[in-house]
Structure formats: C-alpha cells, structure tokens
Amino acid sequence: MRATEVERVELASYHLKGVAYSWFEMWEDSREEESPPARWSEFANAFIDHFLHAETKEDCAVEFETLKQGSRNVWEYHMEFVRLSKYAILMMPTMEVRVRRFVQGLSPLVINEAATTALNSDMNYGRMVSFAQATEARKLKLKMEWEISSRARSTGNLGDSFRGGRSALRGGSSGPSQSYAQSSASSPPSGHDQQ
C-alpha cells in the first residue's frame, strides 16, 4: 500500500465535521484492530455508501453506462469516467473490462486505434488513457495540418491567377473570382499586354 493513500484518508478525516466526523470515527472503530491503515478507495467508497442517496447512486450508474466522449477531449472524458465509475464497480470486475468500457466510449477519432491496442494483455487503464490522449493529439495535429495545407493549396491556385501564372489578368487588378480568371485565360487577349 502506498503511503499517499493513508495520508489522503488522514487529511480527509481532518476536514470532516459534525455528523461526517462522527461517522468516520464509528467507521474507523468498526474496522478490525489488526487491519492495515485504510486505503483511499476503501474510505471513499464507505463514505459514498453512507452519505449518498440510493437514487443518486443509481442515476450515476446509469449515466456511467451511457457515458461517451462526445465533444470532450480524452482527458475530460477520462475524468468523467473516473468520477462515474465508482458507482458502477460491479460492472467492471477486471482491468480488462474497465479498459474495454473506456474504449467503447471514445470518439470516432480515437476508437479504432485504441480498440486494437486494448487487445494487448499488458494494457491497463492508465496506459490506455495515455495512449488515447497521444492518439487524439496526433490525429488532431494531422487534421489541422491537412486543413492548413488544403487552404494553402486553394489560396495558392487563386494566387497564381493574380500573379499572371495561368490567367490573362491585366494591370495587376485585384478582385476577380477564380472562375473569371480561369475563363479569361481561355479567351483571346483584348489588346492589353499580359503580365
């Protein structure tokens, strides 16, 4: 057990007041005398079980079942996944099931590569989140670069028309549409010198 988990329970217990602190003392006393210090997950689950209404827990479990990444980035989806997953612990008895459920909710941008990677037996939840974040970042960068190059290509073709590369524009006029510039290139010159 990591010391940080024990420290988190102790820190949280210092912040409890009134009924919550009384509950903590009773909970701590109810644990076996020789049991190791409470882990954070054990404390958090016991606290939620005691103070959260059954209807709220059920609503959160249903929300978890239908959770999708949607317009969130992978990190935001992960944070919501973690927040809601504690209400659906029984739905994910193993790490493999947890990873598979996370992947099922990913956006179309990331899901194919993540699903393939999830087949790796060494894949745990933390690695999957990192992999999905890296895949999302890479694909968004590629998409942005493609959009910039597409705009540059379309602007570049129009720019050739203004520079006289493929058209019969005269006198450095600016403003004709690309279709006008292209049709001018195929019409006979009208006595003005081409640039």
Protein backbone atom coordinates (compact mmCIF):
# COMPACT_ATOMS: atom_id res chain seq x y z
CA MET A 1 0.00 0.00 0.00
CA ARG A 2 1.30 3.45 -0.85
CA ALA A 3 1.80 5.94 1.97
CA THR A 4 -0.01 8.61 -0.04
CA GLU A 5 -3.29 6.68 0.21
CA VAL A 6 -3.02 6.58 4.00
CA GLU A 7 -2.14 10.27 4.06
CA ARG A 8 -5.15 11.09 1.89
CA VAL A 9 -7.51 9.32 4.32
CA GLU A 10 -5.93 11.13 7.29
CA LEU A 11 -6.13 14.50 5.54
CA ALA A 12 -9.76 13.94 4.57
CA SER A 13 -10.63 12.91 8.12
CA TYR A 14 -9.23 16.20 9.48
CA HIS A 15 -11.64 18.11 7.24
CA LEU A 16 -14.72 16.18 8.32
CA LYS A 17 -17.05 17.99 10.70
CA GLY A 18 -20.15 17.21 12.69
CA VAL A 19 -22.05 14.15 11.51
CA ALA A 20 -19.41 13.28 8.94
CA TYR A 21 -16.66 13.18 11.56
CA SER A 22 -18.83 11.11 13.91
CA TRP A 23 -19.43 8.67 11.05
CA PHE A 24 -15.67 8.49 10.36
CA GLU A 25 -14.89 7.64 13.99
CA MET A 26 -17.55 4.89 14.01
CA TRP A 27 -16.30 3.56 10.66
CA GLU A 28 -12.70 3.53 11.81
CA ASP A 29 -13.68 1.78 15.08
CA SER A 30 -15.67 -0.84 13.15
CA ARG A 31 -12.60 -1.94 11.22
CA GLU A 32 -10.69 -4.89 12.63
CA GLU A 33 -8.00 -3.88 15.06
CA GLU A 34 -5.14 -5.53 13.18
CA SER A 35 -6.22 -4.44 9.71
CA PRO A 36 -3.80 -2.21 7.78
CA PRO A 37 -4.47 1.53 7.59
CA ALA A 38 -7.44 2.40 5.40
CA ARG A 39 -6.78 2.92 1.72
CA TRP A 40 -8.29 5.92 -0.04
CA SER A 41 -10.60 3.85 -2.24
CA GLU A 42 -11.91 1.96 0.79
CA PHE A 43 -12.61 5.22 2.66
CA ALA A 44 -14.17 6.95 -0.35
CA ASN A 45 -16.47 4.01 -1.11
CA ALA A 46 -17.59 3.73 2.52
CA PHE A 47 -18.22 7.48 2.67
CA ILE A 48 -20.25 7.49 -0.55
CA ASP A 49 -22.21 4.42 0.52
CA HIS A 50 -23.16 6.08 3.77
CA PHE A 51 -23.92 9.65 2.65
CA LEU A 52 -25.14 9.40 -0.92
CA HIS A 53 -28.81 8.62 -1.55
CA ALA A 54 -29.56 5.35 -3.34
CA GLU A 55 -31.38 7.19 -6.15
CA THR A 56 -28.36 9.41 -6.78
CA LYS A 57 -26.07 6.37 -6.93
CA GLU A 58 -28.43 4.67 -9.40
CA ASP A 59 -28.59 7.80 -11.56
CA CYS A 60 -24.80 7.99 -11.62
CA ALA A 61 -24.55 4.30 -12.55
CA VAL A 62 -26.97 4.82 -15.46
CA GLU A 63 -25.02 7.92 -16.54
CA PHE A 64 -21.85 5.83 -16.48
CA GLU A 65 -23.42 3.10 -18.63
CA THR A 66 -24.21 5.64 -21.37
CA LEU A 67 -21.06 7.75 -20.99
CA LYS A 68 -19.40 8.75 -24.28
CA GLN A 69 -16.51 11.09 -25.01
CA GLY A 70 -18.64 13.29 -27.26
CA SER A 71 -17.15 16.78 -27.66
CA ARG A 72 -14.80 16.37 -24.68
CA ASN A 73 -11.12 15.73 -25.12
CA VAL A 74 -9.76 12.39 -23.87
CA TRP A 75 -8.62 13.84 -20.54
CA GLU A 76 -12.05 15.35 -19.79
CA TYR A 77 -13.70 12.05 -20.77
CA HIS A 78 -11.28 10.16 -18.51
CA MET A 79 -12.08 12.44 -15.55
CA GLU A 80 -15.82 11.90 -16.02
CA PHE A 81 -15.23 8.16 -16.48
CA VAL A 82 -13.35 8.00 -13.16
CA ARG A 83 -15.96 10.10 -11.36
CA LEU A 84 -18.87 7.93 -12.50
CA SER A 85 -17.13 4.54 -12.49
CA LYS A 86 -17.16 4.33 -8.70
CA TYR A 87 -20.95 3.95 -8.95
CA ALA A 88 -20.59 1.00 -11.32
CA ILE A 89 -17.82 -1.03 -9.70
CA LEU A 90 -19.70 -4.30 -10.21
CA MET A 91 -19.89 -3.63 -13.96
CA MET A 92 -16.08 -3.74 -14.20
CA PRO A 93 -14.75 -6.70 -12.22
CA THR A 94 -11.38 -6.77 -14.03
CA MET A 95 -8.88 -4.32 -15.53
CA GLU A 96 -9.61 -5.75 -18.98
CA VAL A 97 -13.32 -4.93 -18.65
CA ARG A 98 -12.51 -1.43 -17.37
CA VAL A 99 -10.22 -0.75 -20.33
CA ARG A 100 -12.77 -2.14 -22.80
CA ARG A 101 -15.56 0.03 -21.32
CA PHE A 102 -13.33 3.14 -21.54
CA VAL A 103 -12.51 2.40 -25.17
CA GLN A 104 -16.19 1.87 -26.08
CA GLY A 105 -16.95 5.46 -25.10
CA LEU A 106 -14.12 7.07 -27.07
CA SER A 107 -14.79 9.33 -30.05
CA PRO A 108 -14.52 8.04 -33.63
CA LEU A 109 -11.23 9.94 -33.94
CA VAL A 110 -9.52 7.61 -31.44
CA ILE A 111 -11.60 4.47 -31.01
CA ASN A 112 -10.18 2.26 -33.79
CA GLU A 113 -6.55 2.51 -32.72
CA ALA A 114 -7.50 2.29 -29.04
CA ALA A 115 -9.63 -0.81 -29.60
CA THR A 116 -6.73 -2.54 -31.35
CA THR A 117 -4.33 -1.53 -28.59
CA ALA A 118 -6.77 -2.72 -25.89
CA LEU A 119 -6.19 -6.27 -27.12
CA ASN A 120 -2.66 -6.05 -25.70
CA SER A 121 -2.60 -8.10 -22.49
CA ASP A 122 -0.23 -5.60 -20.82
CA MET A 123 -2.68 -2.74 -21.29
CA ASN A 124 -4.02 -1.26 -18.07
CA TYR A 125 -6.37 1.68 -17.61
CA GLY A 126 -3.65 4.30 -17.09
CA ARG A 127 -1.74 3.21 -20.18
CA MET A 128 -4.94 3.25 -22.22
CA VAL A 129 -5.75 6.82 -21.15
CA SER A 130 -2.21 7.90 -22.11
CA PHE A 131 -2.40 6.07 -25.42
CA ALA A 132 -5.80 7.61 -26.25
CA GLN A 133 -4.53 11.10 -25.36
CA ALA A 134 -1.44 10.69 -27.56
CA THR A 135 -3.53 9.31 -30.44
CA GLU A 136 -6.01 12.17 -30.15
CA ALA A 137 -3.23 14.79 -30.10
CA ARG A 138 -1.51 13.22 -33.11
CA LYS A 139 -4.70 12.96 -35.15
CA LEU A 140 -5.84 16.49 -34.29
CA LYS A 141 -2.40 17.79 -35.32
CA LEU A 142 -2.58 15.89 -38.62
CA LYS A 143 -6.11 17.16 -39.23
CA MET A 144 -5.05 20.75 -38.57
CA GLU A 145 -2.01 20.39 -40.85
CA TRP A 146 -4.21 18.91 -43.59
CA GLU A 147 -6.71 21.77 -43.28
CA ILE A 148 -3.91 24.37 -43.41
CA SER A 149 -2.34 22.74 -46.48
CA SER A 150 -5.76 22.48 -48.17
CA ARG A 151 -6.37 26.17 -47.58
CA ALA A 152 -2.86 26.97 -48.80
CA ARG A 153 -3.40 24.90 -51.96
CA SER A 154 -6.70 26.57 -52.76
CA THR A 155 -5.28 30.01 -51.97
CA GLY A 156 -2.14 29.15 -53.91
CA ASN A 157 -4.14 28.33 -57.06
CA LEU A 158 -6.00 31.60 -56.78
CA GLY A 159 -2.71 33.36 -56.05
CA ASP A 160 -1.30 32.06 -59.36
CA SER A 161 -4.19 33.74 -61.14
CA PHE A 162 -3.38 37.09 -59.56
CA ARG A 163 0.31 36.74 -60.42
CA GLY A 164 -0.50 36.05 -64.05
CA GLY A 165 0.59 32.42 -63.89
CA ARG A 166 -2.45 30.92 -65.62
CA SER A 167 -4.70 33.84 -66.45
CA ALA A 168 -4.98 36.85 -68.62
CA LEU A 169 -5.48 39.29 -65.76
CA ARG A 170 -4.17 42.67 -66.75
CA GLY A 171 -2.75 45.65 -64.96
CA GLY A 172 -2.48 43.99 -61.57
CA SER A 173 -6.20 44.26 -60.89
CA SER A 174 -7.31 42.52 -57.79
CA GLY A 175 -10.66 41.07 -57.01
CA PRO A 176 -11.90 38.90 -59.91
CA SER A 177 -13.07 35.47 -58.92
CA GLN A 178 -11.07 32.39 -59.75
CA SER A 179 -13.68 31.30 -62.29
CA TYR A 180 -13.39 34.68 -64.04
CA ALA A 181 -9.61 34.39 -64.05
CA GLN A 182 -9.81 30.88 -65.50
CA SER A 183 -12.29 31.88 -68.19
CA SER A 184 -10.14 34.92 -69.03
CA ALA A 185 -7.19 32.64 -69.59
CA SER A 186 -9.07 30.75 -72.28
CA SER A 187 -10.48 33.83 -74.04
CA PRO A 188 -8.47 35.68 -76.68
CA PRO A 189 -6.35 38.61 -75.48
CA SER A 190 -8.00 42.01 -75.86
CA GLY A 191 -5.06 44.11 -76.83
CA HIS A 192 -3.55 44.67 -73.39
CA ASP A 193 -0.22 43.06 -72.68
CA GLN A 194 -0.27 40.16 -70.30
CA GLN A 195 1.89 40.37 -67.20
